[in-house]
C-alpha atoms as a PDB file:
ATOM      1  CA  UNK A   1      -8.244  -1.581  -3.187  1.00  0.00           C
ATOM      2  CA  UNK A   2     -10.659  -0.096  -5.748  1.00  0.00           C
ATOM      3  CA  UNK A   3     -12.043   2.181  -3.264  1.00  0.00           C
ATOM      4  CA  UNK A   4      -8.693   3.828  -2.595  1.00  0.00           C
ATOM      5  CA  UNK A   5      -8.442   4.017  -6.218  1.00  0.00           C
ATOM      6  CA  UNK A   6     -11.669   6.006  -7.122  1.00  0.00           C
ATOM      7  CA  UNK A   7     -11.674   8.060  -3.670  1.00  0.00           C
ATOM      8  CA  UNK A   8      -7.951   9.180  -4.667  1.00  0.00           C
ATOM      9  CA  UNK A   9      -9.036  10.071  -8.412  1.00  0.00           C
ATOM     10  CA  UNK A  10     -11.693  12.254  -6.832  1.00  0.00           C
ATOM     11  CA  UNK A  11      -9.467  13.781  -4.416  1.00  0.00           C
ATOM     12  CA  UNK A  12      -7.064  14.583  -7.373  1.00  0.00           C
ATOM     13  CA  UNK A  13      -9.789  16.560  -9.016  1.00  0.00           C
ATOM     14  CA  UNK A  14     -10.373  18.880  -6.226  1.00  0.00           C
ATOM     15  CA  UNK A  15      -7.139  19.466  -4.638  1.00  0.00           C
ATOM     16  CA  UNK A  16      -4.541  19.459  -6.938  1.00  0.00           C
ATOM     17  CA  UNK A  17      -6.454  21.945  -8.704  1.00  0.00           C
ATOM     18  CA  UNK A  18      -7.256  23.836  -5.820  1.00  0.00           C
ATOM     19  CA  UNK A  19      -5.866  28.017  -5.583  1.00  0.00           C
ATOM     20  CA  UNK A  20      -1.864  28.390  -5.388  1.00  0.00           C
ATOM     21  CA  UNK A  21      -2.558  29.908  -2.109  1.00  0.00           C
ATOM     22  CA  UNK A  22      -1.190  27.541   0.394  1.00  0.00           C
ATOM     23  CA  UNK A  23      -3.501  26.525   3.314  1.00  0.00           C
ATOM     24  CA  UNK A  24      -2.751  26.921   6.907  1.00  0.00           C
ATOM     25  CA  UNK A  25      -0.697  24.088   8.135  1.00  0.00           C
ATOM     26  CA  UNK A  26      -2.784  21.308   9.791  1.00  0.00           C
ATOM     27  CA  UNK A  27      -1.871  19.631  13.018  1.00  0.00           C
ATOM     28  CA  UNK A  28      -0.177  16.316  12.807  1.00  0.00           C
ATOM     29  CA  UNK A  29      -1.617  13.497  15.249  1.00  0.00           C
ATOM     30  CA  UNK A  30      -1.469  10.120  15.784  1.00  0.00           C
ATOM     31  CA  UNK A  31      -4.367   8.112  14.158  1.00  0.00           C
ATOM     32  CA  UNK A  32      -5.023   4.867  15.737  1.00  0.00           C
ATOM     33  CA  UNK A  33      -7.051   1.983  14.220  1.00  0.00           C
ATOM     34  CA  UNK A  34      -8.231  -0.503  16.017  1.00  0.00           C
ATOM     35  CA  UNK A  35      -9.877  -2.431  13.469  1.00  0.00           C
ATOM     36  CA  UNK A  36      -6.817  -1.955  11.470  1.00  0.00           C
ATOM     37  CA  UNK A  37      -4.197  -2.961  13.944  1.00  0.00           C
ATOM     38  CA  UNK A  38      -2.432   0.027  13.069  1.00  0.00           C
ATOM     39  CA  UNK A  39      -1.351   3.795  13.806  1.00  0.00           C
ATOM     40  CA  UNK A  40       0.337   6.437  11.991  1.00  0.00           C
ATOM     41  CA  UNK A  41       0.694  10.361  12.017  1.00  0.00           C
ATOM     42  CA  UNK A  42      -1.525  12.279  10.044  1.00  0.00           C
ATOM     43  CA  UNK A  43      -2.503  15.940   9.237  1.00  0.00           C
ATOM     44  CA  UNK A  44      -6.131  16.405  10.894  1.00  0.00           C
ATOM     45  CA  UNK A  45      -8.527  13.757  11.674  1.00  0.00           C
ATOM     46  CA  UNK A  46      -8.459  11.913   8.303  1.00  0.00           C
ATOM     47  CA  UNK A  47     -12.458  10.943   6.721  1.00  0.00           C
ATOM     48  CA  UNK A  48     -13.202   7.343   6.669  1.00  0.00           C
ATOM     49  CA  UNK A  49     -14.359   5.288   3.679  1.00  0.00           C
ATOM     50  CA  UNK A  50     -15.542   1.437   4.010  1.00  0.00           C
ATOM     51  CA  UNK A  51     -16.631  -0.597   0.663  1.00  0.00           C
ATOM     52  CA  UNK A  52     -17.563  -4.420   1.060  1.00  0.00           C
ATOM     53  CA  UNK A  53     -17.801  -6.126  -2.281  1.00  0.00           C
ATOM     54  CA  UNK A  54     -18.480  -9.554  -4.029  1.00  0.00           C
ATOM     55  CA  UNK A  55     -15.645 -11.112  -5.798  1.00  0.00           C
ATOM     56  CA  UNK A  56     -14.642 -14.518  -7.288  1.00  0.00           C
ATOM     57  CA  UNK A  57     -12.703 -15.218  -4.356  1.00  0.00           C
ATOM     58  CA  UNK A  58     -15.308 -14.134  -1.812  1.00  0.00           C
ATOM     59  CA  UNK A  59     -16.075 -11.195   0.098  1.00  0.00           C
ATOM     60  CA  UNK A  60     -13.454  -8.315   0.496  1.00  0.00           C
ATOM     61  CA  UNK A  61     -13.672  -4.802   2.339  1.00  0.00           C
ATOM     62  CA  UNK A  62     -11.418  -2.032   2.047  1.00  0.00           C
ATOM     63  CA  UNK A  63     -10.946   0.346   4.475  1.00  0.00           C
ATOM     64  CA  UNK A  64      -9.398   3.774   3.814  1.00  0.00           C
ATOM     65  CA  UNK A  65      -8.839   7.002   5.683  1.00  0.00           C
ATOM     66  CA  UNK A  66      -7.488  10.379   3.724  1.00  0.00           C
ATOM     67  CA  UNK A  67      -5.923  13.521   4.980  1.00  0.00           C
ATOM     68  CA  UNK A  68      -4.475  16.632   3.443  1.00  0.00           C
ATOM     69  CA  UNK A  69      -2.283  19.250   4.138  1.00  0.00           C
ATOM     70  CA  UNK A  70      -0.693  21.831   2.193  1.00  0.00           C
ATOM     71  CA  UNK A  71      -1.539  20.787  -1.074  1.00  0.00           C
ATOM     72  CA  UNK A  72      -0.737  17.132  -0.085  1.00  0.00           C
ATOM     73  CA  UNK A  73      -2.747  14.110   0.305  1.00  0.00           C
ATOM     74  CA  UNK A  74      -1.965  11.437   2.944  1.00  0.00           C
ATOM     75  CA  UNK A  75      -4.122   8.340   2.579  1.00  0.00           C
ATOM     76  CA  UNK A  76      -3.732   4.651   4.410  1.00  0.00           C
ATOM     77  CA  UNK A  77      -5.724   1.543   3.760  1.00  0.00           C
ATOM     78  CA  UNK A  78      -6.103  -2.011   4.001  1.00  0.00           C
ATOM     79  CA  UNK A  79      -8.431  -4.690   2.702  1.00  0.00           C
ATOM     80  CA  UNK A  80      -9.661  -7.787   4.467  1.00  0.00           C
ATOM     81  CA  UNK A  81     -10.424 -10.914   2.289  1.00  0.00           C
ATOM     82  CA  UNK A  82     -12.406 -13.476   2.666  1.00  0.00           C
ATOM     83  CA  UNK A  83     -10.787 -16.009   5.113  1.00  0.00           C
ATOM     84  CA  UNK A  84     -10.914 -18.768   2.373  1.00  0.00           C
ATOM     85  CA  UNK A  85      -9.451 -16.653  -0.311  1.00  0.00           C
ATOM     86  CA  UNK A  86      -5.311 -17.432  -0.530  1.00  0.00           C
ATOM     87  CA  UNK A  87      -2.825 -15.418  -2.338  1.00  0.00           C
ATOM     88  CA  UNK A  88       0.850 -15.284  -2.794  1.00  0.00           C
ATOM     89  CA  UNK A  89       2.301 -12.373  -1.050  1.00  0.00           C
ATOM     90  CA  UNK A  90       4.476 -11.337  -4.096  1.00  0.00           C
ATOM     91  CA  UNK A  91       1.850 -11.381  -6.349  1.00  0.00           C
ATOM     92  CA  UNK A  92      -0.657  -9.014  -4.291  1.00  0.00           C
ATOM     93  CA  UNK A  93       2.018  -6.406  -3.360  1.00  0.00           C
ATOM     94  CA  UNK A  94       2.934  -6.454  -7.455  1.00  0.00           C
ATOM     95  CA  UNK A  95      -0.905  -6.211  -7.977  1.00  0.00           C
ATOM     96  CA  UNK A  96      -1.437  -3.227  -5.303  1.00  0.00           C
ATOM     97  CA  UNK A  97       1.462  -1.475  -7.532  1.00  0.00           C
ATOM     98  CA  UNK A  98       0.344  -2.090 -11.010  1.00  0.00           C
ATOM     99  CA  UNK A  99      -3.560  -1.396 -10.284  1.00  0.00           C
ATOM    100  CA  UNK A 100      -2.601   1.742  -8.785  1.00  0.00           C
ATOM    101  CA  UNK A 101      -0.772   2.986 -11.694  1.00  0.00           C
ATOM    102  CA  UNK A 102      -3.561   1.609 -13.869  1.00  0.00           C
ATOM    103  CA  UNK A 103      -5.635   3.936 -11.786  1.00  0.00           C
ATOM    104  CA  UNK A 104      -4.139   7.131 -11.503  1.00  0.00           C
ATOM    105  CA  UNK A 105      -3.028   6.240 -15.330  1.00  0.00           C
ATOM    106  CA  UNK A 106       0.457   6.597 -14.136  1.00  0.00           C
ATOM    107  CA  UNK A 107       3.707   5.823 -15.323  1.00  0.00           C
ATOM    108  CA  UNK A 108       5.862   3.800 -12.751  1.00  0.00           C
ATOM    109  CA  UNK A 109       9.097   5.232 -11.555  1.00  0.00           C
ATOM    110  CA  UNK A 110      10.540   3.361  -9.400  1.00  0.00           C
ATOM    111  CA  UNK A 111      10.220   0.023  -7.319  1.00  0.00           C
ATOM    112  CA  UNK A 112      11.812  -1.177  -4.576  1.00  0.00           C
ATOM    113  CA  UNK A 113      11.724  -4.231  -2.121  1.00  0.00           C
ATOM    114  CA  UNK A 114      10.761  -2.723   1.274  1.00  0.00           C
ATOM    115  CA  UNK A 115       9.555  -4.206   4.429  1.00  0.00           C
ATOM    116  CA  UNK A 116       7.941  -3.321   7.817  1.00  0.00           C
ATOM    117  CA  UNK A 117       9.832  -5.473  10.624  1.00  0.00           C
ATOM    118  CA  UNK A 118       9.372  -8.924   9.395  1.00  0.00           C
ATOM    119  CA  UNK A 119       6.689  -8.150   6.820  1.00  0.00           C
ATOM    120  CA  UNK A 120       7.311  -7.829   3.412  1.00  0.00           C
ATOM    121  CA  UNK A 121       6.460  -5.159   1.047  1.00  0.00           C
ATOM    122  CA  UNK A 122       7.495  -2.694  -1.849  1.00  0.00           C
ATOM    123  CA  UNK A 123       7.961   0.679  -2.122  1.00  0.00           C
ATOM    124  CA  UNK A 124       7.477   2.865  -5.135  1.00  0.00           C
ATOM    125  CA  UNK A 125       6.692   6.218  -7.041  1.00  0.00           C
ATOM    126  CA  UNK A 126       4.537   6.902  -9.838  1.00  0.00           C
ATOM    127  CA  UNK A 127       3.441   9.945 -11.723  1.00  0.00           C
ATOM    128  CA  UNK A 128       0.917  11.407 -14.083  1.00  0.00           C
ATOM    129  CA  UNK A 129      -0.148  15.050 -15.392  1.00  0.00           C
ATOM    130  CA  UNK A 130      -1.171  15.707 -12.412  1.00  0.00           C
ATOM    131  CA  UNK A 131       0.742  14.307  -9.262  1.00  0.00           C
ATOM    132  CA  UNK A 132       3.912  12.610  -8.074  1.00  0.00           C
ATOM    133  CA  UNK A 133       3.065   9.676  -6.195  1.00  0.00           C
ATOM    134  CA  UNK A 134       5.285   7.605  -3.389  1.00  0.00           C
ATOM    135  CA  UNK A 135       3.483   4.562  -2.366  1.00  0.00           C
ATOM    136  CA  UNK A 136       4.107   1.329   0.318  1.00  0.00           C
ATOM    137  CA  UNK A 137       2.644  -1.942   0.567  1.00  0.00           C
ATOM    138  CA  UNK A 138       2.798  -4.131   3.346  1.00  0.00           C
ATOM    139  CA  UNK A 139       1.695  -7.488   3.869  1.00  0.00           C
ATOM    140  CA  UNK A 140       1.220  -8.522   7.501  1.00  0.00           C
ATOM    141  CA  UNK A 141      -0.451 -12.197   7.948  1.00  0.00           C
ATOM    142  CA  UNK A 142      -3.394 -11.829   5.547  1.00  0.00           C
ATOM    143  CA  UNK A 143      -4.019  -8.575   5.238  1.00  0.00           C
ATOM    144  CA  UNK A 144      -2.420  -5.717   2.607  1.00  0.00           C
ATOM    145  CA  UNK A 145      -2.188  -2.480   3.423  1.00  0.00           C
ATOM    146  CA  UNK A 146      -1.282   0.965   1.308  1.00  0.00           C
ATOM    147  CA  UNK A 147       0.225   3.978   2.209  1.00  0.00           C
ATOM    148  CA  UNK A 148      -0.082   6.502  -0.092  1.00  0.00           C
ATOM    149  CA  UNK A 149       1.708  10.241  -0.551  1.00  0.00           C
ATOM    150  CA  UNK A 150       0.278  12.560  -2.972  1.00  0.00           C
ATOM    151  CA  UNK A 151       2.188  15.920  -4.128  1.00  0.00           C
ATOM    152  CA  UNK A 152       1.735  18.305  -6.840  1.00  0.00           C
ATOM    153  CA  UNK A 153       3.316  17.330 -10.026  1.00  0.00           C
ATOM    154  CA  UNK A 154       6.105  19.777 -10.215  1.00  0.00           C
ATOM    155  CA  UNK A 155       6.199  20.624  -6.279  1.00  0.00           C
ATOM    156  CA  UNK A 156       8.875  18.937  -4.211  1.00  0.00           C
ATOM    157  CA  UNK A 157       7.136  16.174  -1.435  1.00  0.00           C
ATOM    158  CA  UNK A 158       7.375  18.002   2.088  1.00  0.00           C
ATOM    159  CA  UNK A 159       9.212  16.282   4.595  1.00  0.00           C
ATOM    160  CA  UNK A 160       6.076  14.855   5.430  1.00  0.00           C
ATOM    161  CA  UNK A 161       6.052  12.383   3.584  1.00  0.00           C
ATOM    162  CA  UNK A 162       8.694  10.829   5.425  1.00  0.00           C
ATOM    163  CA  UNK A 163       7.036  11.693   8.103  1.00  0.00           C
ATOM    164  CA  UNK A 164       3.654   9.802   7.297  1.00  0.00           C
ATOM    165  CA  UNK A 165       5.692   6.503   6.064  1.00  0.00           C
ATOM    166  CA  UNK A 166       8.015   6.667   8.908  1.00  0.00           C
ATOM    167  CA  UNK A 167       5.152   6.659  11.853  1.00  0.00           C
ATOM    168  CA  UNK A 168       2.974   3.553  10.279  1.00  0.00           C
ATOM    169  CA  UNK A 169       3.083   0.825  13.143  1.00  0.00           C
ATOM    170  CA  UNK A 170       1.422  -2.250  13.273  1.00  0.00           C
ATOM    171  CA  UNK A 171      -0.424  -2.652  16.800  1.00  0.00           C
ATOM    172  CA  UNK A 172      -0.276  -6.208  18.649  1.00  0.00           C
ATOM    173  CA  UNK A 173      -3.507  -8.122  18.351  1.00  0.00           C
ATOM    174  CA  UNK A 174      -5.795  -7.775  21.161  1.00  0.00           C
END
């Protein structure tokens, strides 16, 4: 998930410092990732980033899709670990949260248990000097997914945050 953090920090620097005039609303569309086995509503066509790196546990590949709408940023991503790497689900959820908070130099405000059907997850909120973050992490099988909605600090998150999160669905394996 380090790719998610790096991309997010870059986006924060460019998006949240933009002119105060609101851009026109993006058209929200259903985005489907066949390799990721999910669908979600996102503003416009998301930008894709992929990074594979070697870890002490074997190679891992991170995927990240990012889109923006009216000063907010929406991200969804997942990690594919080496099949030999075994992880504890609860520790994976907490590590994703803790690494995210550290990566954005934020302060953890809330954390609660969540689920996606029968799949375990957590929901948490974070703030830093620039932004307010709401994130969900779910572990589905061996794959952790993370959804992140970013709003400028001091702004009320739009209804699109709930729209984004509630639309996330895992697709049946083919």
